[in-house]
Amino acid sequence: MITLCIRYTLNPTKLADFETYARALLGQIERCGGKLGGYYLPTKFAGPTNAALALIDFPSLAAYEQYRAKLAADPEAVESVRRVDQSGCVLNEDRSILQQVADSAN
């Protein structure tokens, strides 16, 4: 199992646009082969107010590569990306692949 971790830097005045984008992605991610661990928005309680996080699980790197191809060809996903780009809510994306070594069940 691998996890795609996407760290977003957001325009803090456009968090609602990002939230709309994140909520729309659930079906698109699963349809294309990913398992959404969650999209997380910043709070005003602690930490930066312009950083968000997404975690998406895949059984293998090959499955992640297939997901990327399917997502790029999915009309709904392409439209979601167009809308989020047009809104200007995402200033930067930083992607990394993580491998879990322990969880609460172990």
PDB file of N, CA and C in Angstrom:
ATOM      1  N   MET A   1       0.847  -1.181   0.000  1.00  0.00           N
ATOM      2  CA  MET A   1       0.000   0.000   0.000  1.00  0.00           C
ATOM      3  C   MET A   1       0.888   1.238   0.000  1.00  0.00           C
ATOM      4  N   ILE A   2       0.542   2.185  -0.865  1.00  0.00           N
ATOM      5  CA  ILE A   2       1.207   3.486  -0.880  1.00  0.00           C
ATOM      6  C   ILE A   2       0.145   4.572  -0.741  1.00  0.00           C
ATOM      7  N   THR A   3       0.582   5.732  -0.300  1.00  0.00           N
ATOM      8  CA  THR A   3      -0.338   6.863  -0.138  1.00  0.00           C
ATOM      9  C   THR A   3       0.227   8.068  -0.860  1.00  0.00           C
ATOM     10  N   LEU A   4      -0.588   8.631  -1.728  1.00  0.00           N
ATOM     11  CA  LEU A   4      -0.255   9.905  -2.346  1.00  0.00           C
ATOM     12  C   LEU A   4      -0.615  10.992  -1.348  1.00  0.00           C
ATOM     13  N   CYS A   5       0.345  11.817  -1.029  1.00  0.00           N
ATOM     14  CA  CYS A   5       0.139  12.944  -0.118  1.00  0.00           C
ATOM     15  C   CYS A   5       0.286  14.221  -0.946  1.00  0.00           C
ATOM     16  N   ILE A   6      -0.781  14.997  -1.012  1.00  0.00           N
ATOM     17  CA  ILE A   6      -0.738  16.269  -1.740  1.00  0.00           C
ATOM     18  C   ILE A   6      -0.862  17.389  -0.715  1.00  0.00           C
ATOM     19  N   ARG A   7       0.162  18.234  -0.662  1.00  0.00           N
ATOM     20  CA  ARG A   7       0.140  19.411   0.208  1.00  0.00           C
ATOM     21  C   ARG A   7      -0.177  20.617  -0.667  1.00  0.00           C
ATOM     22  N   TYR A   8      -1.222  21.314  -0.298  1.00  0.00           N
ATOM     23  CA  TYR A   8      -1.657  22.483  -1.054  1.00  0.00           C
ATOM     24  C   TYR A   8      -1.341  23.755  -0.291  1.00  0.00           C
ATOM     25  N   THR A   9      -0.878  24.762  -0.993  1.00  0.00           N
ATOM     26  CA  THR A   9      -0.842  26.112  -0.469  1.00  0.00           C
ATOM     27  C   THR A   9      -2.019  26.827  -1.123  1.00  0.00           C
ATOM     28  N   LEU A  10      -2.881  27.392  -0.293  1.00  0.00           N
ATOM     29  CA  LEU A  10      -4.134  27.973  -0.782  1.00  0.00           C
ATOM     30  C   LEU A  10      -4.164  29.480  -0.614  1.00  0.00           C
ATOM     31  N   ASN A  11      -4.982  30.104  -1.429  1.00  0.00           N
ATOM     32  CA  ASN A  11      -5.336  31.504  -1.215  1.00  0.00           C
ATOM     33  C   ASN A  11      -6.334  31.490  -0.051  1.00  0.00           C
ATOM     34  N   PRO A  12      -5.976  32.037   1.108  1.00  0.00           N
ATOM     35  CA  PRO A  12      -6.850  31.930   2.282  1.00  0.00           C
ATOM     36  C   PRO A  12      -8.196  32.631   2.122  1.00  0.00           C
ATOM     37  N   THR A  13      -8.338  33.481   1.132  1.00  0.00           N
ATOM     38  CA  THR A  13      -9.630  34.137   0.896  1.00  0.00           C
ATOM     39  C   THR A  13     -10.537  33.294   0.005  1.00  0.00           C
ATOM     40  N   LYS A  14     -10.025  32.139  -0.459  1.00  0.00           N
ATOM     41  CA  LYS A  14     -10.806  31.298  -1.376  1.00  0.00           C
ATOM     42  C   LYS A  14     -10.917  29.855  -0.886  1.00  0.00           C
ATOM     43  N   LEU A  15     -10.968  29.678   0.432  1.00  0.00           N
ATOM     44  CA  LEU A  15     -11.075  28.340   0.994  1.00  0.00           C
ATOM     45  C   LEU A  15     -12.374  27.646   0.587  1.00  0.00           C
ATOM     46  N   ALA A  16     -13.452  28.394   0.434  1.00  0.00           N
ATOM     47  CA  ALA A  16     -14.732  27.799   0.031  1.00  0.00           C
ATOM     48  C   ALA A  16     -14.625  27.182  -1.364  1.00  0.00           C
ATOM     49  N   ASP A  17     -13.885  27.817  -2.273  1.00  0.00           N
ATOM     50  CA  ASP A  17     -13.684  27.254  -3.611  1.00  0.00           C
ATOM     51  C   ASP A  17     -12.928  25.933  -3.530  1.00  0.00           C
ATOM     52  N   PHE A  18     -11.921  25.885  -2.665  1.00  0.00           N
ATOM     53  CA  PHE A  18     -11.155  24.651  -2.522  1.00  0.00           C
ATOM     54  C   PHE A  18     -12.017  23.559  -1.892  1.00  0.00           C
ATOM     55  N   GLU A  19     -12.825  23.918  -0.912  1.00  0.00           N
ATOM     56  CA  GLU A  19     -13.703  22.928  -0.277  1.00  0.00           C
ATOM     57  C   GLU A  19     -14.671  22.329  -1.292  1.00  0.00           C
ATOM     58  N   THR A  20     -15.236  23.143  -2.167  1.00  0.00           N
ATOM     59  CA  THR A  20     -16.126  22.654  -3.220  1.00  0.00           C
ATOM     60  C   THR A  20     -15.387  21.672  -4.125  1.00  0.00           C
ATOM     61  N   TYR A  21     -14.172  22.014  -4.500  1.00  0.00           N
ATOM     62  CA  TYR A  21     -13.325  21.148  -5.327  1.00  0.00           C
ATOM     63  C   TYR A  21     -13.065  19.817  -4.624  1.00  0.00           C
ATOM     64  N   ALA A  22     -12.661  19.858  -3.376  1.00  0.00           N
ATOM     65  CA  ALA A  22     -12.327  18.639  -2.634  1.00  0.00           C
ATOM     66  C   ALA A  22     -13.542  17.728  -2.489  1.00  0.00           C
ATOM     67  N   ARG A  23     -14.687  18.293  -2.188  1.00  0.00           N
ATOM     68  CA  ARG A  23     -15.903  17.474  -2.033  1.00  0.00           C
ATOM     69  C   ARG A  23     -16.304  16.809  -3.349  1.00  0.00           C
ATOM     70  N   ALA A  24     -16.080  17.491  -4.461  1.00  0.00           N
ATOM     71  CA  ALA A  24     -16.436  16.930  -5.770  1.00  0.00           C
ATOM     72  C   ALA A  24     -15.521  15.782  -6.175  1.00  0.00           C
ATOM     73  N   LEU A  25     -14.332  15.728  -5.608  1.00  0.00           N
ATOM     74  CA  LEU A  25     -13.353  14.732  -6.034  1.00  0.00           C
ATOM     75  C   LEU A  25     -13.616  13.318  -5.545  1.00  0.00           C
ATOM     76  N   LEU A  26     -14.386  13.137  -4.504  1.00  0.00           N
ATOM     77  CA  LEU A  26     -14.569  11.806  -3.929  1.00  0.00           C
ATOM     78  C   LEU A  26     -14.951  10.780  -4.994  1.00  0.00           C
ATOM     79  N   GLY A  27     -16.006  11.029  -5.725  1.00  0.00           N
ATOM     80  CA  GLY A  27     -16.441  10.080  -6.754  1.00  0.00           C
ATOM     81  C   GLY A  27     -15.429   9.924  -7.866  1.00  0.00           C
ATOM     82  N   GLN A  28     -14.793  11.011  -8.245  1.00  0.00           N
ATOM     83  CA  GLN A  28     -13.811  10.972  -9.328  1.00  0.00           C
ATOM     84  C   GLN A  28     -12.600  10.132  -8.920  1.00  0.00           C
ATOM     85  N   ILE A  29     -12.117  10.317  -7.717  1.00  0.00           N
ATOM     86  CA  ILE A  29     -10.950   9.576  -7.231  1.00  0.00           C
ATOM     87  C   ILE A  29     -11.260   8.084  -7.185  1.00  0.00           C
ATOM     88  N   GLU A  30     -12.391   7.723  -6.605  1.00  0.00           N
ATOM     89  CA  GLU A  30     -12.731   6.313  -6.490  1.00  0.00           C
ATOM     90  C   GLU A  30     -13.018   5.686  -7.845  1.00  0.00           C
ATOM     91  N   ARG A  31     -13.680   6.411  -8.736  1.00  0.00           N
ATOM     92  CA  ARG A  31     -13.971   5.910 -10.075  1.00  0.00           C
ATOM     93  C   ARG A  31     -12.679   5.607 -10.844  1.00  0.00           C
ATOM     94  N   CYS A  32     -11.643   6.373 -10.575  1.00  0.00           N
ATOM     95  CA  CYS A  32     -10.383   6.216 -11.302  1.00  0.00           C
ATOM     96  C   CYS A  32      -9.399   5.271 -10.598  1.00  0.00           C
ATOM     97  N   GLY A  33      -9.776   4.718  -9.435  1.00  0.00           N
ATOM     98  CA  GLY A  33      -8.949   3.691  -8.810  1.00  0.00           C
ATOM     99  C   GLY A  33      -8.268   4.041  -7.509  1.00  0.00           C
ATOM    100  N   GLY A  34      -8.497   5.232  -6.969  1.00  0.00           N
ATOM    101  CA  GLY A  34      -7.891   5.599  -5.689  1.00  0.00           C
ATOM    102  C   GLY A  34      -8.861   5.389  -4.545  1.00  0.00           C
ATOM    103  N   LYS A  35      -8.346   5.329  -3.338  1.00  0.00           N
ATOM    104  CA  LYS A  35      -9.174   5.260  -2.138  1.00  0.00           C
ATOM    105  C   LYS A  35      -8.843   6.493  -1.300  1.00  0.00           C
ATOM    106  N   LEU A  36      -9.797   7.395  -1.219  1.00  0.00           N
ATOM    107  CA  LEU A  36      -9.558   8.664  -0.540  1.00  0.00           C
ATOM    108  C   LEU A  36      -9.453   8.462   0.961  1.00  0.00           C
ATOM    109  N   GLY A  37      -8.299   8.849   1.495  1.00  0.00           N
ATOM    110  CA  GLY A  37      -8.115   8.852   2.944  1.00  0.00           C
ATOM    111  C   GLY A  37      -8.712  10.113   3.540  1.00  0.00           C
ATOM    112  N   GLY A  38      -8.685  11.194   2.778  1.00  0.00           N
ATOM    113  CA  GLY A  38      -9.307  12.429   3.220  1.00  0.00           C
ATOM    114  C   GLY A  38      -8.681  13.656   2.604  1.00  0.00           C
ATOM    115  N   TYR A  39      -9.488  14.700   2.537  1.00  0.00           N
ATOM    116  CA  TYR A  39      -9.029  16.050   2.210  1.00  0.00           C
ATOM    117  C   TYR A  39      -9.185  16.852   3.487  1.00  0.00           C
ATOM    118  N   TYR A  40      -8.167  17.605   3.857  1.00  0.00           N
ATOM    119  CA  TYR A  40      -8.152  18.335   5.110  1.00  0.00           C
ATOM    120  C   TYR A  40      -7.891  19.817   4.845  1.00  0.00           C
ATOM    121  N   LEU A  41      -8.797  20.646   5.347  1.00  0.00           N
ATOM    122  CA  LEU A  41      -8.655  22.099   5.243  1.00  0.00           C
ATOM    123  C   LEU A  41      -8.001  22.655   6.503  1.00  0.00           C
ATOM    124  N   PRO A  42      -7.377  23.822   6.401  1.00  0.00           N
ATOM    125  CA  PRO A  42      -6.790  24.436   7.593  1.00  0.00           C
ATOM    126  C   PRO A  42      -7.871  24.948   8.539  1.00  0.00           C
ATOM    127  N   THR A  43      -7.469  25.133   9.784  1.00  0.00           N
ATOM    128  CA  THR A  43      -8.342  25.758  10.780  1.00  0.00           C
ATOM    129  C   THR A  43      -7.654  27.016  11.287  1.00  0.00           C
ATOM    130  N   LYS A  44      -8.378  27.786  12.044  1.00  0.00           N
ATOM    131  CA  LYS A  44      -7.780  28.971  12.664  1.00  0.00           C
ATOM    132  C   LYS A  44      -7.293  28.661  14.075  1.00  0.00           C
ATOM    133  N   PHE A  45      -7.372  27.391  14.494  1.00  0.00           N
ATOM    134  CA  PHE A  45      -6.972  26.998  15.849  1.00  0.00           C
ATOM    135  C   PHE A  45      -5.466  26.911  15.999  1.00  0.00           C
ATOM    136  N   ALA A  46      -4.801  26.384  14.966  1.00  0.00           N
ATOM    137  CA  ALA A  46      -3.350  26.196  15.055  1.00  0.00           C
ATOM    138  C   ALA A  46      -2.793  25.987  13.659  1.00  0.00           C
ATOM    139  N   GLY A  47      -1.564  26.388  13.468  1.00  0.00           N
ATOM    140  CA  GLY A  47      -0.894  26.160  12.191  1.00  0.00           C
ATOM    141  C   GLY A  47      -1.276  27.173  11.140  1.00  0.00           C
ATOM    142  N   PRO A  48      -0.718  26.999   9.947  1.00  0.00           N
ATOM    143  CA  PRO A  48      -0.997  27.945   8.864  1.00  0.00           C
ATOM    144  C   PRO A  48      -2.454  27.865   8.416  1.00  0.00           C
ATOM    145  N   THR A  49      -3.003  28.989   8.029  1.00  0.00           N
ATOM    146  CA  THR A  49      -4.403  29.040   7.590  1.00  0.00           C
ATOM    147  C   THR A  49      -4.527  28.964   6.075  1.00  0.00           C
ATOM    148  N   ASN A  50      -3.427  28.632   5.416  1.00  0.00           N
ATOM    149  CA  ASN A  50      -3.464  28.538   3.957  1.00  0.00           C
ATOM    150  C   ASN A  50      -2.920  27.200   3.451  1.00  0.00           C
ATOM    151  N   ALA A  51      -2.902  26.174   4.300  1.00  0.00           N
ATOM    152  CA  ALA A  51      -2.356  24.874   3.913  1.00  0.00           C
ATOM    153  C   ALA A  51      -3.431  23.804   4.036  1.00  0.00           C
ATOM    154  N   ALA A  52      -3.552  22.971   3.001  1.00  0.00           N
ATOM    155  CA  ALA A  52      -4.488  21.854   3.006  1.00  0.00           C
ATOM    156  C   ALA A  52      -3.726  20.589   2.653  1.00  0.00           C
ATOM    157  N   LEU A  53      -4.368  19.451   2.918  1.00  0.00           N
ATOM    158  CA  LEU A  53      -3.715  18.171   2.710  1.00  0.00           C
ATOM    159  C   LEU A  53      -4.717  17.180   2.144  1.00  0.00           C
ATOM    160  N   ALA A  54      -4.259  16.338   1.216  1.00  0.00           N
ATOM    161  CA  ALA A  54      -5.057  15.234   0.690  1.00  0.00           C
ATOM    162  C   ALA A  54      -4.246  13.959   0.806  1.00  0.00           C
ATOM    163  N   LEU A  55      -4.909  12.874   1.192  1.00  0.00           N
ATOM    164  CA  LEU A  55      -4.283  11.562   1.281  1.00  0.00           C
ATOM    165  C   LEU A  55      -5.117  10.581   0.466  1.00  0.00           C
ATOM    166  N   ILE A  56      -4.466   9.911  -0.496  1.00  0.00           N
ATOM    167  CA  ILE A  56      -5.152   8.965  -1.371  1.00  0.00           C
ATOM    168  C   ILE A  56      -4.333   7.683  -1.424  1.00  0.00           C
ATOM    169  N   ASP A  57      -4.974   6.552  -1.109  1.00  0.00           N
ATOM    170  CA  ASP A  57      -4.292   5.266  -1.048  1.00  0.00           C
ATOM    171  C   ASP A  57      -4.398   4.492  -2.359  1.00  0.00           C
ATOM    172  N   PHE A  58      -3.336   3.713  -2.625  1.00  0.00           N
ATOM    173  CA  PHE A  58      -3.264   2.832  -3.786  1.00  0.00           C
ATOM    174  C   PHE A  58      -2.563   1.544  -3.369  1.00  0.00           C
ATOM    175  N   PRO A  59      -2.949   0.423  -3.983  1.00  0.00           N
ATOM    176  CA  PRO A  59      -2.289  -0.836  -3.625  1.00  0.00           C
ATOM    177  C   PRO A  59      -0.842  -0.930  -4.099  1.00  0.00           C
ATOM    178  N   SER A  60      -0.476  -0.134  -5.116  1.00  0.00           N
ATOM    179  CA  SER A  60       0.884  -0.205  -5.668  1.00  0.00           C
ATOM    180  C   SER A  60       1.182   1.050  -6.479  1.00  0.00           C
ATOM    181  N   LEU A  61       2.445   1.218  -6.831  1.00  0.00           N
ATOM    182  CA  LEU A  61       2.843   2.334  -7.688  1.00  0.00           C
ATOM    183  C   LEU A  61       2.216   2.191  -9.071  1.00  0.00           C
ATOM    184  N   ALA A  62       2.131   0.960  -9.563  1.00  0.00           N
ATOM    185  CA  ALA A  62       1.496   0.720 -10.872  1.00  0.00           C
ATOM    186  C   ALA A  62       0.027   1.157 -10.838  1.00  0.00           C
ATOM    187  N   ALA A  63      -0.669   0.865  -9.748  1.00  0.00           N
ATOM    188  CA  ALA A  63      -2.073   1.285  -9.616  1.00  0.00           C
ATOM    189  C   ALA A  63      -2.179   2.807  -9.596  1.00  0.00           C
ATOM    190  N   TYR A  64      -1.227   3.473  -8.939  1.00  0.00           N
ATOM    191  CA  TYR A  64      -1.213   4.943  -8.929  1.00  0.00           C
ATOM    192  C   TYR A  64      -1.009   5.479 -10.334  1.00  0.00           C
ATOM    193  N   GLU A  65      -0.110   4.894 -11.095  1.00  0.00           N
ATOM    194  CA  GLU A  65       0.133   5.347 -12.469  1.00  0.00           C
ATOM    195  C   GLU A  65      -1.104   5.150 -13.338  1.00  0.00           C
ATOM    196  N   GLN A  66      -1.821   4.050 -13.153  1.00  0.00           N
ATOM    197  CA  GLN A  66      -3.074   3.821 -13.895  1.00  0.00           C
ATOM    198  C   GLN A  66      -4.120   4.854 -13.496  1.00  0.00           C
ATOM    199  N   TYR A  67      -4.189   5.164 -12.219  1.00  0.00           N
ATOM    200  CA  TYR A  67      -5.108   6.179 -11.707  1.00  0.00           C
ATOM    201  C   TYR A  67      -4.847   7.531 -12.374  1.00  0.00           C
ATOM    202  N   ARG A  68      -3.580   7.922 -12.456  1.00  0.00           N
ATOM    203  CA  ARG A  68      -3.236   9.209 -13.070  1.00  0.00           C
ATOM    204  C   ARG A  68      -3.724   9.273 -14.516  1.00  0.00           C
ATOM    205  N   ALA A  69      -3.542   8.179 -15.257  1.00  0.00           N
ATOM    206  CA  ALA A  69      -3.993   8.145 -16.654  1.00  0.00           C
ATOM    207  C   ALA A  69      -5.517   8.219 -16.740  1.00  0.00           C
ATOM    208  N   LYS A  70      -6.202   7.482 -15.882  1.00  0.00           N
ATOM    209  CA  LYS A  70      -7.671   7.506 -15.884  1.00  0.00           C
ATOM    210  C   LYS A  70      -8.198   8.879 -15.484  1.00  0.00           C
ATOM    211  N   LEU A  71      -7.591   9.473 -14.482  1.00  0.00           N
ATOM    212  CA  LEU A  71      -8.031  10.789 -14.020  1.00  0.00           C
ATOM    213  C   LEU A  71      -7.848  11.847 -15.110  1.00  0.00           C
ATOM    214  N   ALA A  72      -6.739  11.773 -15.833  1.00  0.00           N
ATOM    215  CA  ALA A  72      -6.473  12.738 -16.906  1.00  0.00           C
ATOM    216  C   ALA A  72      -7.462  12.590 -18.059  1.00  0.00           C
ATOM    217  N   ALA A  73      -8.061  11.400 -18.204  1.00  0.00           N
ATOM    218  CA  ALA A  73      -9.013  11.152 -19.288  1.00  0.00           C
ATOM    219  C   ALA A  73     -10.471  11.276 -18.839  1.00  0.00           C
ATOM    220  N   ASP A  74     -10.706  11.499 -17.557  1.00  0.00           N
ATOM    221  CA  ASP A  74     -12.058  11.575 -17.005  1.00  0.00           C
ATOM    222  C   ASP A  74     -12.617  12.986 -17.209  1.00  0.00           C
ATOM    223  N   PRO A  75     -13.682  13.126 -18.000  1.00  0.00           N
ATOM    224  CA  PRO A  75     -14.209  14.475 -18.285  1.00  0.00           C
ATOM    225  C   PRO A  75     -14.611  15.257 -17.032  1.00  0.00           C
ATOM    226  N   GLU A  76     -15.187  14.586 -16.053  1.00  0.00           N
ATOM    227  CA  GLU A  76     -15.597  15.276 -14.824  1.00  0.00           C
ATOM    228  C   GLU A  76     -14.377  15.768 -14.048  1.00  0.00           C
ATOM    229  N   ALA A  77     -13.330  14.944 -14.000  1.00  0.00           N
ATOM    230  CA  ALA A  77     -12.102  15.342 -13.300  1.00  0.00           C
ATOM    231  C   ALA A  77     -11.415  16.498 -14.022  1.00  0.00           C
ATOM    232  N   VAL A  78     -11.391  16.437 -15.338  1.00  0.00           N
ATOM    233  CA  VAL A  78     -10.790  17.518 -16.124  1.00  0.00           C
ATOM    234  C   VAL A  78     -11.535  18.830 -15.863  1.00  0.00           C
ATOM    235  N   GLU A  79     -12.857  18.760 -15.792  1.00  0.00           N
ATOM    236  CA  GLU A  79     -13.657  19.962 -15.523  1.00  0.00           C
ATOM    237  C   GLU A  79     -13.408  20.475 -14.108  1.00  0.00           C
ATOM    238  N   SER A  80     -13.263  19.579 -13.136  1.00  0.00           N
ATOM    239  CA  SER A  80     -12.972  20.003 -11.766  1.00  0.00           C
ATOM    240  C   SER A  80     -11.644  20.751 -11.694  1.00  0.00           C
ATOM    241  N   VAL A  81     -10.645  20.230 -12.374  1.00  0.00           N
ATOM    242  CA  VAL A  81      -9.332  20.883 -12.389  1.00  0.00           C
ATOM    243  C   VAL A  81      -9.426  22.245 -13.078  1.00  0.00           C
ATOM    244  N   ARG A  82     -10.184  22.324 -14.162  1.00  0.00           N
ATOM    245  CA  ARG A  82     -10.352  23.607 -14.861  1.00  0.00           C
ATOM    246  C   ARG A  82     -10.989  24.637 -13.929  1.00  0.00           C
ATOM    247  N   ARG A  83     -12.028  24.204 -13.194  1.00  0.00           N
ATOM    248  CA  ARG A  83     -12.723  25.138 -12.283  1.00  0.00           C
ATOM    249  C   ARG A  83     -11.820  25.600 -11.143  1.00  0.00           C
ATOM    250  N   VAL A  84     -11.056  24.663 -10.565  1.00  0.00           N
ATOM    251  CA  VAL A  84     -10.193  25.056  -9.443  1.00  0.00           C
ATOM    252  C   VAL A  84      -9.071  25.960  -9.934  1.00  0.00           C
ATOM    253  N   ASP A  85      -8.545  25.686 -11.127  1.00  0.00           N
ATOM    254  CA  ASP A  85      -7.519  26.564 -11.693  1.00  0.00           C
ATOM    255  C   ASP A  85      -8.082  27.964 -11.939  1.00  0.00           C
ATOM    256  N   GLN A  86      -9.286  28.016 -12.480  1.00  0.00           N
ATOM    257  CA  GLN A  86      -9.920  29.301 -12.785  1.00  0.00           C
ATOM    258  C   GLN A  86     -10.198  30.098 -11.507  1.00  0.00           C
ATOM    259  N   SER A  87     -10.515  29.403 -10.413  1.00  0.00           N
ATOM    260  CA  SER A  87     -10.838  30.105  -9.174  1.00  0.00           C
ATOM    261  C   SER A  87      -9.615  30.765  -8.542  1.00  0.00           C
ATOM    262  N   GLY A  88      -8.432  30.223  -8.815  1.00  0.00           N
ATOM    263  CA  GLY A  88      -7.223  30.770  -8.217  1.00  0.00           C
ATOM    264  C   GLY A  88      -7.038  30.414  -6.750  1.00  0.00           C
ATOM    265  N   CYS A  89      -7.777  29.411  -6.273  1.00  0.00           N
ATOM    266  CA  CYS A  89      -7.675  29.072  -4.851  1.00  0.00           C
ATOM    267  C   CYS A  89      -6.406  28.281  -4.523  1.00  0.00           C
ATOM    268  N   VAL A  90      -5.868  27.514  -5.482  1.00  0.00           N
ATOM    269  CA  VAL A  90      -4.652  26.742  -5.237  1.00  0.00           C
ATOM    270  C   VAL A  90      -3.456  27.529  -5.771  1.00  0.00           C
ATOM    271  N   LEU A  91      -2.542  27.845  -4.879  1.00  0.00           N
ATOM    272  CA  LEU A  91      -1.340  28.582  -5.263  1.00  0.00           C
ATOM    273  C   LEU A  91      -0.184  27.635  -5.580  1.00  0.00           C
ATOM    274  N   ASN A  92      -0.163  26.467  -4.909  1.00  0.00           N
ATOM    275  CA  ASN A  92       0.915  25.508  -5.116  1.00  0.00           C
ATOM    276  C   ASN A  92       0.455  24.121  -4.676  1.00  0.00           C
ATOM    277  N   GLU A  93       0.938  23.087  -5.375  1.00  0.00           N
ATOM    278  CA  GLU A  93       0.711  21.687  -4.989  1.00  0.00           C
ATOM    279  C   GLU A  93       2.067  21.022  -4.851  1.00  0.00           C
ATOM    280  N   ASP A  94       2.222  20.260  -3.800  1.00  0.00           N
ATOM    281  CA  ASP A  94       3.448  19.491  -3.572  1.00  0.00           C
ATOM    282  C   ASP A  94       3.029  18.047  -3.355  1.00  0.00           C
ATOM    283  N   ARG A  95       3.425  17.148  -4.267  1.00  0.00           N
ATOM    284  CA  ARG A  95       3.018  15.744  -4.195  1.00  0.00           C
ATOM    285  C   ARG A  95       4.177  14.873  -3.743  1.00  0.00           C
ATOM    286  N   SER A  96       3.861  13.896  -2.901  1.00  0.00           N
ATOM    287  CA  SER A  96       4.850  12.898  -2.520  1.00  0.00           C
ATOM    288  C   SER A  96       4.139  11.559  -2.330  1.00  0.00           C
ATOM    289  N   ILE A  97       4.901  10.505  -2.434  1.00  0.00           N
ATOM    290  CA  ILE A  97       4.388   9.153  -2.216  1.00  0.00           C
ATOM    291  C   ILE A  97       4.937   8.674  -0.883  1.00  0.00           C
ATOM    292  N   LEU A  98       4.038   8.234  -0.005  1.00  0.00           N
ATOM    293  CA  LEU A  98       4.419   7.743   1.310  1.00  0.00           C
ATOM    294  C   LEU A  98       4.115   6.262   1.414  1.00  0.00           C
ATOM    295  N   GLN A  99       4.872   5.568   2.242  1.00  0.00           N
ATOM    296  CA  GLN A  99       4.629   4.159   2.506  1.00  0.00           C
ATOM    297  C   GLN A  99       4.383   4.001   4.007  1.00  0.00           C
ATOM    298  N   GLN A 100       3.244   3.417   4.357  1.00  0.00           N
ATOM    299  CA  GLN A 100       2.893   3.253   5.762  1.00  0.00           C
ATOM    300  C   GLN A 100       3.735   2.165   6.410  1.00  0.00           C
ATOM    301  N   VAL A 101       4.244   2.456   7.599  1.00  0.00           N
ATOM    302  CA  VAL A 101       5.039   1.471   8.324  1.00  0.00           C
ATOM    303  C   VAL A 101       4.320   0.973   9.584  1.00  0.00           C
ATOM    304  N   ALA A 102       3.333   1.706  10.063  1.00  0.00           N
ATOM    305  CA  ALA A 102       2.586   1.285  11.233  1.00  0.00           C
ATOM    306  C   ALA A 102       1.231   1.973  11.216  1.00  0.00           C
ATOM    307  N   ASP A 103       0.248   1.337  11.842  1.00  0.00           N
ATOM    308  CA  ASP A 103      -1.055   1.970  12.032  1.00  0.00           C
ATOM    309  C   ASP A 103      -1.603   1.560  13.400  1.00  0.00           C
ATOM    310  N   SER A 104      -2.751   2.070  13.747  1.00  0.00           N
ATOM    311  CA  SER A 104      -3.313   1.817  15.065  1.00  0.00           C
ATOM    312  C   SER A 104      -3.731   0.372  15.274  1.00  0.00           C
ATOM    313  N   ALA A 105      -3.893  -0.404  14.191  1.00  0.00           N
ATOM    314  CA  ALA A 105      -4.280  -1.810  14.297  1.00  0.00           C
ATOM    315  C   ALA A 105      -3.084  -2.701  14.620  1.00  0.00           C
ATOM    316  N   ASN A 106      -1.861  -2.182  14.473  1.00  0.00           N
ATOM    317  CA  ASN A 106      -0.662  -3.013  14.713  1.00  0.00           C
ATOM    318  C   ASN A 106      -0.146  -2.847  16.117  1.00  0.00           C
TER     319      ASN A 106
END
